[in-house]
C-alpha atoms as a PDB file:
ATOM      1  CA  UNK A   1     -60.441  22.477 -38.810  1.00  0.00           C
ATOM      2  CA  UNK A   2     -58.155  25.066 -40.530  1.00  0.00           C
ATOM      3  CA  UNK A   3     -56.067  23.719 -43.652  1.00  0.00           C
ATOM      4  CA  UNK A   4     -53.739  27.400 -42.527  1.00  0.00           C
ATOM      5  CA  UNK A   5     -51.916  28.225 -40.028  1.00  0.00           C
ATOM      6  CA  UNK A   6     -52.780  31.788 -37.951  1.00  0.00           C
ATOM      7  CA  UNK A   7     -49.957  33.786 -37.355  1.00  0.00           C
ATOM      8  CA  UNK A   8     -50.755  37.601 -35.680  1.00  0.00           C
ATOM      9  CA  UNK A   9     -48.756  40.167 -36.772  1.00  0.00           C
ATOM     10  CA  UNK A  10     -47.790  42.823 -34.726  1.00  0.00           C
ATOM     11  CA  UNK A  11     -49.888  46.464 -35.397  1.00  0.00           C
ATOM     12  CA  UNK A  12     -48.208  50.512 -34.146  1.00  0.00           C
ATOM     13  CA  UNK A  13     -50.366  52.629 -33.281  1.00  0.00           C
ATOM     14  CA  UNK A  14     -50.868  55.922 -34.346  1.00  0.00           C
ATOM     15  CA  UNK A  15     -52.487  59.047 -35.546  1.00  0.00           C
ATOM     16  CA  UNK A  16     -54.897  58.358 -38.317  1.00  0.00           C
ATOM     17  CA  UNK A  17     -56.161  61.657 -39.066  1.00  0.00           C
ATOM     18  CA  UNK A  18     -57.851  62.708 -36.231  1.00  0.00           C
ATOM     19  CA  UNK A  19     -58.297  59.070 -34.861  1.00  0.00           C
ATOM     20  CA  UNK A  20     -55.944  56.425 -33.086  1.00  0.00           C
ATOM     21  CA  UNK A  21     -55.677  53.609 -34.905  1.00  0.00           C
ATOM     22  CA  UNK A  22     -53.608  50.149 -35.276  1.00  0.00           C
ATOM     23  CA  UNK A  23     -51.978  49.558 -38.195  1.00  0.00           C
ATOM     24  CA  UNK A  24     -50.282  46.734 -40.214  1.00  0.00           C
ATOM     25  CA  UNK A  25     -48.084  47.814 -43.600  1.00  0.00           C
ATOM     26  CA  UNK A  26     -49.832  45.234 -46.520  1.00  0.00           C
ATOM     27  CA  UNK A  27     -46.401  44.278 -47.535  1.00  0.00           C
ATOM     28  CA  UNK A  28     -45.906  42.343 -43.783  1.00  0.00           C
ATOM     29  CA  UNK A  29     -49.735  41.471 -44.500  1.00  0.00           C
ATOM     30  CA  UNK A  30     -48.742  39.686 -48.323  1.00  0.00           C
ATOM     31  CA  UNK A  31     -45.610  37.864 -47.283  1.00  0.00           C
ATOM     32  CA  UNK A  32     -47.615  35.972 -44.524  1.00  0.00           C
ATOM     33  CA  UNK A  33     -50.233  35.385 -46.571  1.00  0.00           C
ATOM     34  CA  UNK A  34     -48.927  34.125 -49.839  1.00  0.00           C
ATOM     35  CA  UNK A  35     -44.752  32.846 -48.909  1.00  0.00           C
ATOM     36  CA  UNK A  36     -46.078  31.530 -46.072  1.00  0.00           C
ATOM     37  CA  UNK A  37     -49.086  30.221 -47.675  1.00  0.00           C
ATOM     38  CA  UNK A  38     -50.629  30.463 -43.855  1.00  0.00           C
ATOM     39  CA  UNK A  39     -53.611  33.505 -42.347  1.00  0.00           C
ATOM     40  CA  UNK A  40     -52.986  36.438 -40.981  1.00  0.00           C
ATOM     41  CA  UNK A  41     -54.012  38.490 -38.287  1.00  0.00           C
ATOM     42  CA  UNK A  42     -53.811  42.026 -36.941  1.00  0.00           C
ATOM     43  CA  UNK A  43     -52.870  42.406 -33.406  1.00  0.00           C
ATOM     44  CA  UNK A  44     -53.560  45.413 -32.244  1.00  0.00           C
ATOM     45  CA  UNK A  45     -51.225  47.146 -29.585  1.00  0.00           C
ATOM     46  CA  UNK A  46     -53.112  47.303 -26.034  1.00  0.00           C
ATOM     47  CA  UNK A  47     -50.995  46.091 -23.772  1.00  0.00           C
ATOM     48  CA  UNK A  48     -52.764  43.866 -20.976  1.00  0.00           C
ATOM     49  CA  UNK A  49     -56.606  44.733 -22.002  1.00  0.00           C
ATOM     50  CA  UNK A  50     -55.285  42.033 -24.938  1.00  0.00           C
ATOM     51  CA  UNK A  51     -52.889  39.178 -22.720  1.00  0.00           C
ATOM     52  CA  UNK A  52     -49.781  36.850 -24.193  1.00  0.00           C
ATOM     53  CA  UNK A  53     -52.379  34.695 -22.302  1.00  0.00           C
ATOM     54  CA  UNK A  54     -55.129  35.629 -25.126  1.00  0.00           C
ATOM     55  CA  UNK A  55     -52.982  35.167 -27.975  1.00  0.00           C
ATOM     56  CA  UNK A  56     -51.405  33.107 -27.740  1.00  0.00           C
ATOM     57  CA  UNK A  57     -53.917  29.633 -27.779  1.00  0.00           C
ATOM     58  CA  UNK A  58     -55.445  31.089 -30.823  1.00  0.00           C
ATOM     59  CA  UNK A  59     -52.408  31.541 -32.906  1.00  0.00           C
ATOM     60  CA  UNK A  60     -49.686  29.219 -34.599  1.00  0.00           C
ATOM     61  CA  UNK A  61     -47.065  31.782 -35.146  1.00  0.00           C
ATOM     62  CA  UNK A  62     -45.967  35.448 -35.084  1.00  0.00           C
ATOM     63  CA  UNK A  63     -44.287  38.093 -36.887  1.00  0.00           C
ATOM     64  CA  UNK A  64     -43.160  40.996 -35.308  1.00  0.00           C
ATOM     65  CA  UNK A  65     -42.803  44.165 -38.192  1.00  0.00           C
ATOM     66  CA  UNK A  66     -41.085  46.821 -38.668  1.00  0.00           C
ATOM     67  CA  UNK A  67     -41.564  49.862 -37.797  1.00  0.00           C
ATOM     68  CA  UNK A  68     -40.855  54.088 -38.114  1.00  0.00           C
ATOM     69  CA  UNK A  69     -41.159  53.943 -34.025  1.00  0.00           C
ATOM     70  CA  UNK A  70     -38.114  53.621 -31.811  1.00  0.00           C
ATOM     71  CA  UNK A  71     -38.182  51.280 -29.138  1.00  0.00           C
ATOM     72  CA  UNK A  72     -38.375  53.581 -26.294  1.00  0.00           C
ATOM     73  CA  UNK A  73     -34.760  53.317 -24.490  1.00  0.00           C
ATOM     74  CA  UNK A  74     -35.839  52.473 -20.337  1.00  0.00           C
ATOM     75  CA  UNK A  75     -36.587  48.993 -21.731  1.00  0.00           C
ATOM     76  CA  UNK A  76     -33.416  48.337 -22.260  1.00  0.00           C
ATOM     77  CA  UNK A  77     -31.664  50.808 -19.889  1.00  0.00           C
ATOM     78  CA  UNK A  78     -30.575  53.358 -22.956  1.00  0.00           C
ATOM     79  CA  UNK A  79     -30.280  57.162 -22.525  1.00  0.00           C
ATOM     80  CA  UNK A  80     -33.146  59.301 -23.319  1.00  0.00           C
ATOM     81  CA  UNK A  81     -33.792  59.537 -27.173  1.00  0.00           C
ATOM     82  CA  UNK A  82     -33.069  62.594 -28.420  1.00  0.00           C
ATOM     83  CA  UNK A  83     -35.796  65.532 -28.989  1.00  0.00           C
ATOM     84  CA  UNK A  84     -37.968  64.052 -31.137  1.00  0.00           C
ATOM     85  CA  UNK A  85     -37.890  60.507 -31.585  1.00  0.00           C
ATOM     86  CA  UNK A  86     -41.065  58.671 -32.199  1.00  0.00           C
ATOM     87  CA  UNK A  87     -42.259  55.706 -29.854  1.00  0.00           C
ATOM     88  CA  UNK A  88     -45.252  53.845 -29.497  1.00  0.00           C
ATOM     89  CA  UNK A  89     -45.473  53.049 -25.562  1.00  0.00           C
ATOM     90  CA  UNK A  90     -48.174  50.490 -26.544  1.00  0.00           C
ATOM     91  CA  UNK A  91     -46.494  48.945 -28.945  1.00  0.00           C
ATOM     92  CA  UNK A  92     -43.982  48.217 -26.498  1.00  0.00           C
ATOM     93  CA  UNK A  93     -45.650  47.160 -24.279  1.00  0.00           C
ATOM     94  CA  UNK A  94     -47.567  44.675 -25.868  1.00  0.00           C
ATOM     95  CA  UNK A  95     -45.505  42.936 -28.315  1.00  0.00           C
ATOM     96  CA  UNK A  96     -42.321  42.990 -25.544  1.00  0.00           C
ATOM     97  CA  UNK A  97     -44.137  40.499 -23.472  1.00  0.00           C
ATOM     98  CA  UNK A  98     -45.872  38.838 -26.041  1.00  0.00           C
ATOM     99  CA  UNK A  99     -42.840  37.637 -27.848  1.00  0.00           C
ATOM    100  CA  UNK A 100     -41.377  37.005 -24.260  1.00  0.00           C
ATOM    101  CA  UNK A 101     -44.387  34.437 -24.475  1.00  0.00           C
ATOM    102  CA  UNK A 102     -44.660  33.399 -27.043  1.00  0.00           C
ATOM    103  CA  UNK A 103     -40.943  31.167 -27.466  1.00  0.00           C
ATOM    104  CA  UNK A 104     -41.369  29.838 -23.514  1.00  0.00           C
ATOM    105  CA  UNK A 105     -44.625  27.955 -25.063  1.00  0.00           C
ATOM    106  CA  UNK A 106     -43.217  27.265 -28.276  1.00  0.00           C
ATOM    107  CA  UNK A 107     -44.567  29.592 -30.158  1.00  0.00           C
ATOM    108  CA  UNK A 108     -43.054  29.966 -34.228  1.00  0.00           C
ATOM    109  CA  UNK A 109     -41.694  34.050 -34.195  1.00  0.00           C
ATOM    110  CA  UNK A 110     -40.075  35.854 -36.930  1.00  0.00           C
ATOM    111  CA  UNK A 111     -38.932  39.226 -35.939  1.00  0.00           C
ATOM    112  CA  UNK A 112     -38.347  41.778 -39.132  1.00  0.00           C
ATOM    113  CA  UNK A 113     -36.455  45.102 -38.546  1.00  0.00           C
ATOM    114  CA  UNK A 114     -37.991  46.600 -35.072  1.00  0.00           C
ATOM    115  CA  UNK A 115     -38.847  43.305 -33.966  1.00  0.00           C
ATOM    116  CA  UNK A 116     -35.628  42.294 -34.557  1.00  0.00           C
ATOM    117  CA  UNK A 117     -34.177  44.779 -31.801  1.00  0.00           C
ATOM    118  CA  UNK A 118     -37.553  43.996 -29.283  1.00  0.00           C
ATOM    119  CA  UNK A 119     -36.245  40.002 -29.446  1.00  0.00           C
ATOM    120  CA  UNK A 120     -32.649  41.486 -28.349  1.00  0.00           C
ATOM    121  CA  UNK A 121     -34.476  43.956 -25.783  1.00  0.00           C
ATOM    122  CA  UNK A 122     -36.660  40.959 -24.589  1.00  0.00           C
ATOM    123  CA  UNK A 123     -33.182  39.324 -23.790  1.00  0.00           C
ATOM    124  CA  UNK A 124     -31.967  41.459 -21.355  1.00  0.00           C
ATOM    125  CA  UNK A 125     -29.966  43.392 -25.138  1.00  0.00           C
ATOM    126  CA  UNK A 126     -30.107  47.065 -25.561  1.00  0.00           C
ATOM    127  CA  UNK A 127     -29.670  49.321 -28.675  1.00  0.00           C
ATOM    128  CA  UNK A 128     -27.925  51.715 -30.096  1.00  0.00           C
ATOM    129  CA  UNK A 129     -30.211  54.704 -30.939  1.00  0.00           C
ATOM    130  CA  UNK A 130     -28.285  56.183 -34.001  1.00  0.00           C
ATOM    131  CA  UNK A 131     -25.960  53.589 -34.919  1.00  0.00           C
ATOM    132  CA  UNK A 132     -25.075  56.596 -37.700  1.00  0.00           C
ATOM    133  CA  UNK A 133     -23.446  58.865 -34.885  1.00  0.00           C
ATOM    134  CA  UNK A 134     -21.197  55.625 -33.385  1.00  0.00           C
ATOM    135  CA  UNK A 135     -17.721  55.681 -34.522  1.00  0.00           C
ATOM    136  CA  UNK A 136     -16.622  53.439 -36.490  1.00  0.00           C
ATOM    137  CA  UNK A 137     -20.824  52.330 -38.060  1.00  0.00           C
ATOM    138  CA  UNK A 138     -21.856  53.039 -41.375  1.00  0.00           C
ATOM    139  CA  UNK A 139     -25.058  54.674 -41.698  1.00  0.00           C
ATOM    140  CA  UNK A 140     -27.626  52.460 -41.873  1.00  0.00           C
ATOM    141  CA  UNK A 141     -30.658  54.414 -42.998  1.00  0.00           C
ATOM    142  CA  UNK A 142     -32.278  54.945 -45.713  1.00  0.00           C
ATOM    143  CA  UNK A 143     -33.001  58.066 -48.478  1.00  0.00           C
ATOM    144  CA  UNK A 144     -36.395  59.033 -47.610  1.00  0.00           C
ATOM    145  CA  UNK A 145     -36.397  61.109 -50.568  1.00  0.00           C
ATOM    146  CA  UNK A 146     -35.371  58.253 -53.159  1.00  0.00           C
ATOM    147  CA  UNK A 147     -38.002  56.088 -54.773  1.00  0.00           C
ATOM    148  CA  UNK A 148     -39.148  53.218 -52.937  1.00  0.00           C
ATOM    149  CA  UNK A 149     -37.637  49.832 -54.739  1.00  0.00           C
ATOM    150  CA  UNK A 150     -34.283  51.961 -54.218  1.00  0.00           C
ATOM    151  CA  UNK A 151     -34.760  52.849 -50.533  1.00  0.00           C
ATOM    152  CA  UNK A 152     -35.691  48.861 -50.888  1.00  0.00           C
ATOM    153  CA  UNK A 153     -32.906  48.251 -52.533  1.00  0.00           C
ATOM    154  CA  UNK A 154     -30.023  45.306 -51.824  1.00  0.00           C
ATOM    155  CA  UNK A 155     -27.743  48.204 -50.313  1.00  0.00           C
ATOM    156  CA  UNK A 156     -24.720  46.130 -48.546  1.00  0.00           C
ATOM    157  CA  UNK A 157     -23.895  42.613 -47.518  1.00  0.00           C
ATOM    158  CA  UNK A 158     -23.577  40.125 -44.914  1.00  0.00           C
ATOM    159  CA  UNK A 159     -20.943  37.687 -43.965  1.00  0.00           C
ATOM    160  CA  UNK A 160     -23.237  34.145 -42.216  1.00  0.00           C
ATOM    161  CA  UNK A 161     -22.899  32.673 -39.148  1.00  0.00           C
ATOM    162  CA  UNK A 162     -21.257  29.606 -39.929  1.00  0.00           C
ATOM    163  CA  UNK A 163     -23.738  26.883 -39.379  1.00  0.00           C
ATOM    164  CA  UNK A 164     -26.330  28.760 -38.763  1.00  0.00           C
ATOM    165  CA  UNK A 165     -29.726  28.696 -39.402  1.00  0.00           C
ATOM    166  CA  UNK A 166     -30.039  31.954 -41.645  1.00  0.00           C
ATOM    167  CA  UNK A 167     -26.935  29.825 -43.498  1.00  0.00           C
ATOM    168  CA  UNK A 168     -29.257  27.647 -44.137  1.00  0.00           C
ATOM    169  CA  UNK A 169     -31.441  29.208 -45.411  1.00  0.00           C
ATOM    170  CA  UNK A 170     -29.106  30.937 -47.969  1.00  0.00           C
ATOM    171  CA  UNK A 171     -28.207  27.106 -48.991  1.00  0.00           C
ATOM    172  CA  UNK A 172     -24.843  27.307 -47.198  1.00  0.00           C
ATOM    173  CA  UNK A 173     -23.683  30.709 -48.841  1.00  0.00           C
ATOM    174  CA  UNK A 174     -21.485  32.211 -46.591  1.00  0.00           C
ATOM    175  CA  UNK A 175     -22.755  35.639 -47.552  1.00  0.00           C
ATOM    176  CA  UNK A 176     -26.254  37.463 -48.712  1.00  0.00           C
ATOM    177  CA  UNK A 177     -27.092  41.091 -50.230  1.00  0.00           C
ATOM    178  CA  UNK A 178     -29.306  43.233 -48.197  1.00  0.00           C
ATOM    179  CA  UNK A 179     -31.430  46.171 -47.858  1.00  0.00           C
ATOM    180  CA  UNK A 180     -31.446  48.741 -45.511  1.00  0.00           C
ATOM    181  CA  UNK A 181     -33.894  51.305 -43.669  1.00  0.00           C
ATOM    182  CA  UNK A 182     -33.292  51.703 -40.320  1.00  0.00           C
ATOM    183  CA  UNK A 183     -31.418  53.773 -37.702  1.00  0.00           C
ATOM    184  CA  UNK A 184     -31.418  51.915 -34.366  1.00  0.00           C
ATOM    185  CA  UNK A 185     -29.185  48.169 -34.260  1.00  0.00           C
ATOM    186  CA  UNK A 186     -28.120  46.346 -31.474  1.00  0.00           C
ATOM    187  CA  UNK A 187     -25.491  47.746 -29.068  1.00  0.00           C
ATOM    188  CA  UNK A 188     -25.044  44.425 -27.067  1.00  0.00           C
ATOM    189  CA  UNK A 189     -26.577  41.228 -28.227  1.00  0.00           C
ATOM    190  CA  UNK A 190     -29.074  39.145 -25.228  1.00  0.00           C
ATOM    191  CA  UNK A 191     -27.689  36.872 -23.431  1.00  0.00           C
ATOM    192  CA  UNK A 192     -29.854  33.366 -24.634  1.00  0.00           C
ATOM    193  CA  UNK A 193     -29.554  34.610 -28.402  1.00  0.00           C
ATOM    194  CA  UNK A 194     -26.627  33.697 -31.363  1.00  0.00           C
ATOM    195  CA  UNK A 195     -25.753  36.495 -33.928  1.00  0.00           C
ATOM    196  CA  UNK A 196     -26.827  34.830 -37.208  1.00  0.00           C
ATOM    197  CA  UNK A 197     -25.438  37.016 -39.825  1.00  0.00           C
ATOM    198  CA  UNK A 198     -22.695  40.835 -39.509  1.00  0.00           C
ATOM    199  CA  UNK A 199     -22.327  43.801 -41.746  1.00  0.00           C
ATOM    200  CA  UNK A 200     -19.539  44.897 -42.633  1.00  0.00           C
ATOM    201  CA  UNK A 201     -18.895  47.293 -40.075  1.00  0.00           C
ATOM    202  CA  UNK A 202     -19.630  44.737 -37.764  1.00  0.00           C
ATOM    203  CA  UNK A 203     -23.185  45.283 -36.893  1.00  0.00           C
ATOM    204  CA  UNK A 204     -25.384  42.213 -36.062  1.00  0.00           C
ATOM    205  CA  UNK A 205     -27.399  41.958 -38.707  1.00  0.00           C
ATOM    206  CA  UNK A 206     -29.699  38.985 -37.355  1.00  0.00           C
ATOM    207  CA  UNK A 207     -30.328  36.592 -34.327  1.00  0.00           C
ATOM    208  CA  UNK A 208     -31.655  32.998 -33.694  1.00  0.00           C
ATOM    209  CA  UNK A 209     -32.812  32.152 -29.948  1.00  0.00           C
ATOM    210  CA  UNK A 210     -30.855  29.750 -28.276  1.00  0.00           C
ATOM    211  CA  UNK A 211     -32.502  26.407 -27.730  1.00  0.00           C
ATOM    212  CA  UNK A 212     -35.828  27.419 -29.040  1.00  0.00           C
ATOM    213  CA  UNK A 213     -38.812  24.578 -29.435  1.00  0.00           C
ATOM    214  CA  UNK A 214     -39.572  26.269 -32.922  1.00  0.00           C
ATOM    215  CA  UNK A 215     -38.281  28.944 -35.648  1.00  0.00           C
ATOM    216  CA  UNK A 216     -37.323  32.023 -33.942  1.00  0.00           C
ATOM    217  CA  UNK A 217     -34.947  33.881 -36.351  1.00  0.00           C
ATOM    218  CA  UNK A 218     -35.399  38.001 -35.753  1.00  0.00           C
ATOM    219  CA  UNK A 219     -33.595  39.602 -39.382  1.00  0.00           C
ATOM    220  CA  UNK A 220     -32.568  43.711 -39.412  1.00  0.00           C
ATOM    221  CA  UNK A 221     -33.983  43.790 -42.724  1.00  0.00           C
ATOM    222  CA  UNK A 222     -37.439  43.765 -45.235  1.00  0.00           C
ATOM    223  CA  UNK A 223     -36.808  40.502 -46.291  1.00  0.00           C
ATOM    224  CA  UNK A 224     -41.234  40.912 -46.763  1.00  0.00           C
ATOM    225  CA  UNK A 225     -40.644  43.376 -49.792  1.00  0.00           C
ATOM    226  CA  UNK A 226     -40.929  41.867 -53.163  1.00  0.00           C
ATOM    227  CA  UNK A 227     -39.496  38.713 -51.050  1.00  0.00           C
ATOM    228  CA  UNK A 228     -40.283  36.300 -53.588  1.00  0.00           C
ATOM    229  CA  UNK A 229     -37.860  38.433 -56.275  1.00  0.00           C
ATOM    230  CA  UNK A 230     -35.180  37.073 -53.605  1.00  0.00           C
ATOM    231  CA  UNK A 231     -33.986  33.349 -53.037  1.00  0.00           C
ATOM    232  CA  UNK A 232     -32.798  34.228 -48.910  1.00  0.00           C
ATOM    233  CA  UNK A 233     -36.602  35.904 -47.983  1.00  0.00           C
ATOM    234  CA  UNK A 234     -38.697  33.692 -50.520  1.00  0.00           C
ATOM    235  CA  UNK A 235     -36.431  30.569 -47.585  1.00  0.00           C
ATOM    236  CA  UNK A 236     -37.119  32.750 -44.884  1.00  0.00           C
ATOM    237  CA  UNK A 237     -41.580  33.117 -45.031  1.00  0.00           C
ATOM    238  CA  UNK A 238     -41.484  29.576 -46.691  1.00  0.00           C
ATOM    239  CA  UNK A 239     -39.809  28.158 -43.415  1.00  0.00           C
ATOM    240  CA  UNK A 240     -41.571  30.401 -41.307  1.00  0.00           C
ATOM    241  CA  UNK A 241     -44.493  29.003 -42.166  1.00  0.00           C
ATOM    242  CA  UNK A 242     -43.890  25.484 -42.146  1.00  0.00           C
ATOM    243  CA  UNK A 243     -42.997  25.717 -38.788  1.00  0.00           C
ATOM    244  CA  UNK A 244     -46.243  27.780 -37.903  1.00  0.00           C
ATOM    245  CA  UNK A 245     -48.066  24.180 -39.653  1.00  0.00           C
ATOM    246  CA  UNK A 246     -46.182  22.066 -37.909  1.00  0.00           C
ATOM    247  CA  UNK A 247     -47.471  24.191 -34.847  1.00  0.00           C
ATOM    248  CA  UNK A 248     -51.055  24.050 -35.828  1.00  0.00           C
ATOM    249  CA  UNK A 249     -51.084  20.586 -35.983  1.00  0.00           C
ATOM    250  CA  UNK A 250     -49.382  19.473 -32.994  1.00  0.00           C
ATOM    251  CA  UNK A 251     -50.181  22.080 -30.670  1.00  0.00           C
ATOM    252  CA  UNK A 252     -46.517  21.431 -28.966  1.00  0.00           C
ATOM    253  CA  UNK A 253     -45.130  22.889 -25.584  1.00  0.00           C
ATOM    254  CA  UNK A 254     -41.736  24.825 -24.821  1.00  0.00           C
ATOM    255  CA  UNK A 255     -39.025  22.306 -22.293  1.00  0.00           C
ATOM    256  CA  UNK A 256     -39.982  22.957 -19.166  1.00  0.00           C
ATOM    257  CA  UNK A 257     -36.321  24.732 -19.021  1.00  0.00           C
ATOM    258  CA  UNK A 258     -35.729  27.254 -21.367  1.00  0.00           C
ATOM    259  CA  UNK A 259     -39.628  27.990 -20.975  1.00  0.00           C
ATOM    260  CA  UNK A 260     -38.104  28.705 -17.040  1.00  0.00           C
ATOM    261  CA  UNK A 261     -35.395  30.796 -18.487  1.00  0.00           C
ATOM    262  CA  UNK A 262     -37.158  32.499 -21.053  1.00  0.00           C
ATOM    263  CA  UNK A 263     -39.575  33.926 -18.332  1.00  0.00           C
ATOM    264  CA  UNK A 264     -36.745  35.556 -16.257  1.00  0.00           C
ATOM    265  CA  UNK A 265     -34.960  37.390 -18.802  1.00  0.00           C
END
């Protein structure tokens, strides 16, 4: 019997040289292995070839990672993307049904950046494809010419919603400072989700799943980057790991009402 939970980590499908490959940044793996005290398993973007029914009995939690690619706009009724926009149809075909099934089954879920946007889409929400081009919104993108430590440095504050999961993880603080490395963002919040944090321009920066049977949190920023140097990031991965350990021990299913509602979104 394992003494550590097994966390599946979503991979991107991309070209490495001349070969199609499935990749995950090591920063996500390190945050799970060291920050959540869990075992990491990389989940290739194979769509129905490796279905949620195959994956969920094996894992004790799921981490949906950030990515350079955007969710395809037809997934949320958006207009066609600008020419040259990077998409990953294989990832969309994998993560969206997998997240929906995981939440219905009561599997703990942590969703970061693209994963956060996927969570909104799963619940019928929509996305701004270019937040910086929306009137009244700030530019949330990083400067790709900066050194990594500068790109991932805290760049703006967020207001934590009173009584929310994220505020509890932050020791009941009212604000936190986070990094910002994204072009897309939430336009319309999905039904069944609650905003957990808001940026100064009003953009939703974190969300949770109403009536979830287990840990279910999405954040727009990147807490995995040097997570041990930030108390909130440390708390996020520690609490997610604890939820995965609970799942490993009990394999408790989700309530029928939530499961039915989640599968109908």
